[in-house]
Amino acid sequence: MRNIGFVMASRMLVEERKLVRFMYREKGEGNDSGWRFFTGEEDQQYVDDPDNIKIYDIQTILDIDKSIRPYLDSAEYSAFEKDEDEKCFRMVEDFDFGRNIEEA
């Protein structure tokens, strides 16, 4: 696996080794790939606490959930979630990245 830079993920995902159910890619800077990974079980209060989101090497996340691999080359400002049957990801077309894509 080529080094894509670091990623950010919830501690819940990594420490409890839960599968990724939601992921998105922001604009990366420097060694930051822009990828963010979550279980889909985190509430807003959990995510807003900076102690609950940590920096990881992508291999740490792949060791937990290899199903993310085909999506890692997706463009910046891409978002994906698992279908209800948890077999594959689908693109989230209306995810709010908190900025205007035309300005990117």
N, C-alpha and C. Protein backbone atom coordinates (compact mmCIF):
# COMPACT_ATOMS: atom_id res chain seq x y z
N MET A 1 0.86 -1.19 0.00
CA MET A 1 0.00 0.00 0.00
C MET A 1 0.89 1.23 0.00
N ARG A 2 0.66 2.10 -0.97
CA ARG A 2 1.45 3.34 -1.01
C ARG A 2 1.06 4.23 0.16
N ASN A 3 1.96 5.09 0.56
CA ASN A 3 1.69 5.99 1.67
C ASN A 3 0.87 7.17 1.16
N ILE A 4 -0.36 7.28 1.63
CA ILE A 4 -1.22 8.38 1.20
C ILE A 4 -1.18 9.55 2.18
N GLY A 5 -0.41 9.42 3.24
CA GLY A 5 -0.39 10.42 4.29
C GLY A 5 -1.25 9.96 5.45
N PHE A 6 -1.33 10.79 6.46
CA PHE A 6 -2.11 10.37 7.62
C PHE A 6 -3.59 10.59 7.41
N VAL A 7 -4.38 9.91 8.25
CA VAL A 7 -5.84 10.02 8.22
C VAL A 7 -6.30 10.36 9.63
N MET A 8 -7.54 10.78 9.75
CA MET A 8 -8.12 11.00 11.07
C MET A 8 -9.28 10.04 11.23
N ALA A 9 -9.42 9.50 12.42
CA ALA A 9 -10.50 8.54 12.68
C ALA A 9 -10.93 8.67 14.13
N SER A 10 -12.13 8.21 14.39
CA SER A 10 -12.62 8.25 15.77
C SER A 10 -11.91 7.18 16.60
N ARG A 11 -11.70 7.50 17.84
CA ARG A 11 -11.11 6.52 18.76
C ARG A 11 -12.01 5.31 18.87
N MET A 12 -13.33 5.50 18.81
CA MET A 12 -14.27 4.39 18.89
C MET A 12 -13.96 3.36 17.79
N LEU A 13 -13.74 3.84 16.58
CA LEU A 13 -13.45 2.96 15.46
C LEU A 13 -12.18 2.16 15.72
N VAL A 14 -11.11 2.84 16.12
CA VAL A 14 -9.81 2.19 16.27
C VAL A 14 -9.73 1.36 17.54
N GLU A 15 -10.10 1.93 18.66
CA GLU A 15 -9.93 1.23 19.93
C GLU A 15 -10.89 0.05 20.08
N GLU A 16 -12.09 0.17 19.51
CA GLU A 16 -13.06 -0.93 19.59
C GLU A 16 -13.05 -1.79 18.33
N ARG A 17 -12.18 -1.42 17.37
CA ARG A 17 -12.02 -2.16 16.11
C ARG A 17 -13.36 -2.38 15.41
N LYS A 18 -14.11 -1.29 15.30
CA LYS A 18 -15.40 -1.34 14.61
C LYS A 18 -15.20 -1.02 13.14
N LEU A 19 -16.05 -1.57 12.30
CA LEU A 19 -15.96 -1.33 10.87
C LEU A 19 -16.32 0.11 10.52
N VAL A 20 -15.72 0.59 9.44
CA VAL A 20 -16.03 1.92 8.93
C VAL A 20 -17.42 1.88 8.30
N ARG A 21 -18.26 2.84 8.71
CA ARG A 21 -19.59 2.94 8.09
C ARG A 21 -19.80 4.30 7.46
N PHE A 22 -18.89 5.24 7.75
CA PHE A 22 -18.96 6.56 7.14
C PHE A 22 -17.55 7.09 6.97
N MET A 23 -17.26 7.63 5.80
CA MET A 23 -15.93 8.20 5.55
C MET A 23 -16.06 9.32 4.53
N TYR A 24 -15.19 10.29 4.68
CA TYR A 24 -15.17 11.38 3.71
C TYR A 24 -13.76 11.89 3.56
N ARG A 25 -13.54 12.58 2.45
CA ARG A 25 -12.22 13.13 2.17
C ARG A 25 -12.32 14.62 1.94
N GLU A 26 -11.67 15.36 2.82
CA GLU A 26 -11.57 16.81 2.67
C GLU A 26 -10.33 17.12 1.83
N LYS A 27 -10.08 18.38 1.62
CA LYS A 27 -8.84 18.79 0.95
C LYS A 27 -7.68 18.50 1.90
N GLY A 28 -6.74 17.71 1.45
CA GLY A 28 -5.57 17.40 2.27
C GLY A 28 -4.53 18.51 2.19
N GLU A 29 -3.72 18.59 3.23
CA GLU A 29 -2.63 19.55 3.27
C GLU A 29 -1.41 18.87 3.84
N GLY A 30 -0.26 19.06 3.20
CA GLY A 30 0.96 18.43 3.69
C GLY A 30 0.81 16.92 3.73
N ASN A 31 1.08 16.32 4.89
CA ASN A 31 0.97 14.87 5.05
C ASN A 31 -0.44 14.40 5.36
N ASP A 32 -1.39 15.32 5.47
CA ASP A 32 -2.78 14.96 5.75
C ASP A 32 -3.46 14.58 4.44
N SER A 33 -3.92 13.32 4.35
CA SER A 33 -4.60 12.84 3.14
C SER A 33 -5.98 13.47 2.96
N GLY A 34 -6.53 14.01 4.04
CA GLY A 34 -7.89 14.54 4.01
C GLY A 34 -8.95 13.52 4.40
N TRP A 35 -8.57 12.24 4.53
CA TRP A 35 -9.54 11.19 4.86
C TRP A 35 -9.93 11.23 6.33
N ARG A 36 -11.25 11.04 6.58
CA ARG A 36 -11.82 10.98 7.93
C ARG A 36 -12.69 9.73 7.99
N PHE A 37 -12.53 8.93 9.05
CA PHE A 37 -13.24 7.65 9.16
C PHE A 37 -14.01 7.56 10.47
N PHE A 38 -15.24 7.03 10.37
CA PHE A 38 -16.13 6.92 11.53
C PHE A 38 -16.90 5.61 11.49
N THR A 39 -17.41 5.20 12.65
CA THR A 39 -18.24 3.99 12.74
C THR A 39 -19.67 4.26 12.32
N GLY A 40 -20.08 5.52 12.37
CA GLY A 40 -21.48 5.87 12.13
C GLY A 40 -22.29 5.86 13.41
N GLU A 41 -21.66 5.45 14.52
CA GLU A 41 -22.33 5.42 15.82
C GLU A 41 -22.00 6.64 16.68
N GLU A 42 -21.01 7.43 16.27
CA GLU A 42 -20.61 8.59 17.04
C GLU A 42 -21.67 9.68 16.93
N ASP A 43 -22.02 10.29 18.05
CA ASP A 43 -22.95 11.43 17.99
C ASP A 43 -22.13 12.72 17.89
N GLN A 44 -22.82 13.83 17.69
CA GLN A 44 -22.14 15.10 17.48
C GLN A 44 -21.29 15.50 18.68
N GLN A 45 -21.78 15.25 19.88
CA GLN A 45 -21.01 15.58 21.09
C GLN A 45 -19.70 14.80 21.11
N TYR A 46 -19.74 13.55 20.75
CA TYR A 46 -18.53 12.72 20.71
C TYR A 46 -17.53 13.29 19.68
N VAL A 47 -18.02 13.59 18.49
CA VAL A 47 -17.15 14.08 17.42
C VAL A 47 -16.58 15.46 17.74
N ASP A 48 -17.35 16.29 18.43
CA ASP A 48 -16.89 17.64 18.78
C ASP A 48 -15.79 17.65 19.82
N ASP A 49 -15.59 16.54 20.53
CA ASP A 49 -14.53 16.44 21.54
C ASP A 49 -13.23 16.06 20.84
N PRO A 50 -12.25 16.97 20.79
CA PRO A 50 -11.01 16.68 20.06
C PRO A 50 -10.25 15.46 20.59
N ASP A 51 -10.50 15.05 21.81
CA ASP A 51 -9.85 13.85 22.34
C ASP A 51 -10.38 12.57 21.69
N ASN A 52 -11.51 12.66 21.01
CA ASN A 52 -12.12 11.47 20.40
C ASN A 52 -11.75 11.27 18.93
N ILE A 53 -11.04 12.22 18.34
CA ILE A 53 -10.60 12.11 16.95
C ILE A 53 -9.07 12.16 16.97
N LYS A 54 -8.45 11.13 16.41
CA LYS A 54 -6.99 11.02 16.46
C LYS A 54 -6.42 10.83 15.05
N ILE A 55 -5.12 11.06 14.94
CA ILE A 55 -4.39 10.89 13.70
C ILE A 55 -3.81 9.48 13.65
N TYR A 56 -3.99 8.83 12.49
CA TYR A 56 -3.50 7.46 12.32
C TYR A 56 -2.86 7.29 10.95
N ASP A 57 -2.03 6.29 10.83
CA ASP A 57 -1.54 5.83 9.54
C ASP A 57 -2.68 5.07 8.87
N ILE A 58 -2.80 5.15 7.56
CA ILE A 58 -3.89 4.47 6.86
C ILE A 58 -3.87 2.97 7.11
N GLN A 59 -2.70 2.39 7.31
CA GLN A 59 -2.62 0.94 7.53
C GLN A 59 -3.37 0.53 8.79
N THR A 60 -3.40 1.39 9.80
CA THR A 60 -4.15 1.09 11.02
C THR A 60 -5.63 0.89 10.70
N ILE A 61 -6.17 1.75 9.85
CA ILE A 61 -7.58 1.63 9.49
C ILE A 61 -7.80 0.43 8.57
N LEU A 62 -6.90 0.19 7.63
CA LEU A 62 -7.02 -0.97 6.75
C LEU A 62 -6.95 -2.28 7.52
N ASP A 63 -6.17 -2.32 8.59
CA ASP A 63 -6.10 -3.53 9.42
C ASP A 63 -7.44 -3.84 10.07
N ILE A 64 -8.25 -2.82 10.27
CA ILE A 64 -9.58 -2.99 10.88
C ILE A 64 -10.63 -3.28 9.80
N ASP A 65 -10.54 -2.57 8.67
CA ASP A 65 -11.58 -2.68 7.64
C ASP A 65 -10.98 -2.52 6.25
N LYS A 66 -10.69 -3.63 5.61
CA LYS A 66 -10.09 -3.61 4.27
C LYS A 66 -11.07 -3.13 3.18
N SER A 67 -12.35 -3.07 3.49
CA SER A 67 -13.33 -2.68 2.47
C SER A 67 -13.18 -1.23 2.03
N ILE A 68 -12.39 -0.43 2.74
CA ILE A 68 -12.19 0.97 2.35
C ILE A 68 -11.17 1.12 1.23
N ARG A 69 -10.33 0.11 1.03
CA ARG A 69 -9.21 0.21 0.09
C ARG A 69 -9.60 0.75 -1.30
N PRO A 70 -10.66 0.23 -1.95
CA PRO A 70 -10.97 0.70 -3.30
C PRO A 70 -11.34 2.19 -3.39
N TYR A 71 -11.64 2.81 -2.27
CA TYR A 71 -12.10 4.20 -2.27
C TYR A 71 -10.99 5.21 -1.97
N LEU A 72 -9.82 4.74 -1.58
CA LEU A 72 -8.78 5.63 -1.09
C LEU A 72 -8.24 6.60 -2.14
N ASP A 73 -8.42 6.29 -3.41
CA ASP A 73 -7.99 7.22 -4.46
C ASP A 73 -9.10 8.16 -4.90
N SER A 74 -10.20 8.16 -4.19
CA SER A 74 -11.32 9.06 -4.53
C SER A 74 -10.90 10.51 -4.40
N ALA A 75 -11.54 11.34 -5.17
CA ALA A 75 -11.23 12.77 -5.19
C ALA A 75 -11.53 13.42 -3.84
N GLU A 76 -10.85 14.54 -3.61
CA GLU A 76 -11.18 15.35 -2.44
C GLU A 76 -12.65 15.74 -2.54
N TYR A 77 -13.27 15.94 -1.40
CA TYR A 77 -14.69 16.28 -1.29
C TYR A 77 -15.58 15.14 -1.78
N SER A 78 -15.17 13.92 -1.45
CA SER A 78 -15.98 12.71 -1.66
C SER A 78 -16.41 12.21 -0.30
N ALA A 79 -17.61 11.66 -0.21
CA ALA A 79 -18.11 11.08 1.04
C ALA A 79 -18.84 9.78 0.71
N PHE A 80 -18.70 8.80 1.61
CA PHE A 80 -19.29 7.48 1.40
C PHE A 80 -19.86 6.95 2.70
N GLU A 81 -20.93 6.18 2.57
CA GLU A 81 -21.48 5.47 3.73
C GLU A 81 -21.84 4.06 3.31
N LYS A 82 -21.87 3.15 4.30
CA LYS A 82 -22.22 1.76 4.01
C LYS A 82 -23.72 1.65 3.83
N ASP A 83 -24.14 0.78 2.89
CA ASP A 83 -25.57 0.50 2.76
C ASP A 83 -26.03 -0.20 4.02
N GLU A 84 -27.32 -0.34 4.13
CA GLU A 84 -27.88 -0.98 5.31
C GLU A 84 -27.46 -2.43 5.41
N ASP A 85 -27.20 -3.09 4.29
CA ASP A 85 -26.76 -4.49 4.35
C ASP A 85 -25.27 -4.61 4.66
N GLU A 86 -24.58 -3.47 4.76
CA GLU A 86 -23.17 -3.38 5.13
C GLU A 86 -22.23 -4.13 4.19
N LYS A 87 -22.61 -4.29 2.94
CA LYS A 87 -21.74 -4.98 2.00
C LYS A 87 -20.89 -4.04 1.16
N CYS A 88 -21.39 -2.85 0.88
CA CYS A 88 -20.60 -1.93 0.08
C CYS A 88 -20.95 -0.48 0.45
N PHE A 89 -20.04 0.41 0.05
CA PHE A 89 -20.25 1.83 0.29
C PHE A 89 -21.01 2.44 -0.87
N ARG A 90 -21.74 3.50 -0.58
CA ARG A 90 -22.37 4.30 -1.63
C ARG A 90 -21.96 5.75 -1.42
N MET A 91 -21.87 6.48 -2.50
CA MET A 91 -21.47 7.88 -2.41
C MET A 91 -22.59 8.70 -1.79
N VAL A 92 -22.23 9.63 -0.92
CA VAL A 92 -23.17 10.57 -0.31
C VAL A 92 -23.07 11.86 -1.12
N GLU A 93 -24.09 12.12 -1.90
CA GLU A 93 -24.06 13.27 -2.81
C GLU A 93 -24.26 14.61 -2.11
N ASP A 94 -24.98 14.61 -0.98
CA ASP A 94 -25.34 15.88 -0.34
C ASP A 94 -24.60 16.15 0.96
N PHE A 95 -23.41 15.55 1.14
CA PHE A 95 -22.65 15.80 2.36
C PHE A 95 -22.15 17.24 2.38
N ASP A 96 -22.32 17.91 3.52
CA ASP A 96 -21.90 19.30 3.68
C ASP A 96 -20.46 19.33 4.20
N PHE A 97 -19.54 19.70 3.34
CA PHE A 97 -18.14 19.80 3.73
C PHE A 97 -17.83 21.12 4.43
N GLY A 98 -18.84 21.96 4.60
CA GLY A 98 -18.64 23.21 5.32
C GLY A 98 -17.98 24.30 4.49
N ARG A 99 -18.01 24.15 3.17
CA ARG A 99 -17.49 25.18 2.30
C ARG A 99 -18.11 25.01 0.92
N ASN A 100 -17.95 26.01 0.11
CA ASN A 100 -18.53 26.02 -1.23
C ASN A 100 -17.57 25.31 -2.19
N ILE A 101 -17.99 24.23 -2.81
CA ILE A 101 -17.12 23.46 -3.70
C ILE A 101 -16.60 24.32 -4.86
N GLU A 102 -17.40 25.25 -5.34
CA GLU A 102 -16.94 26.10 -6.43
C GLU A 102 -15.73 26.94 -6.02
N GLU A 103 -15.55 27.18 -4.72
CA GLU A 103 -14.42 27.97 -4.24
C GLU A 103 -13.17 27.13 -4.11
N ALA A 104 -13.29 25.82 -4.16
CA ALA A 104 -12.14 24.93 -3.93
C ALA A 104 -11.20 24.92 -5.12
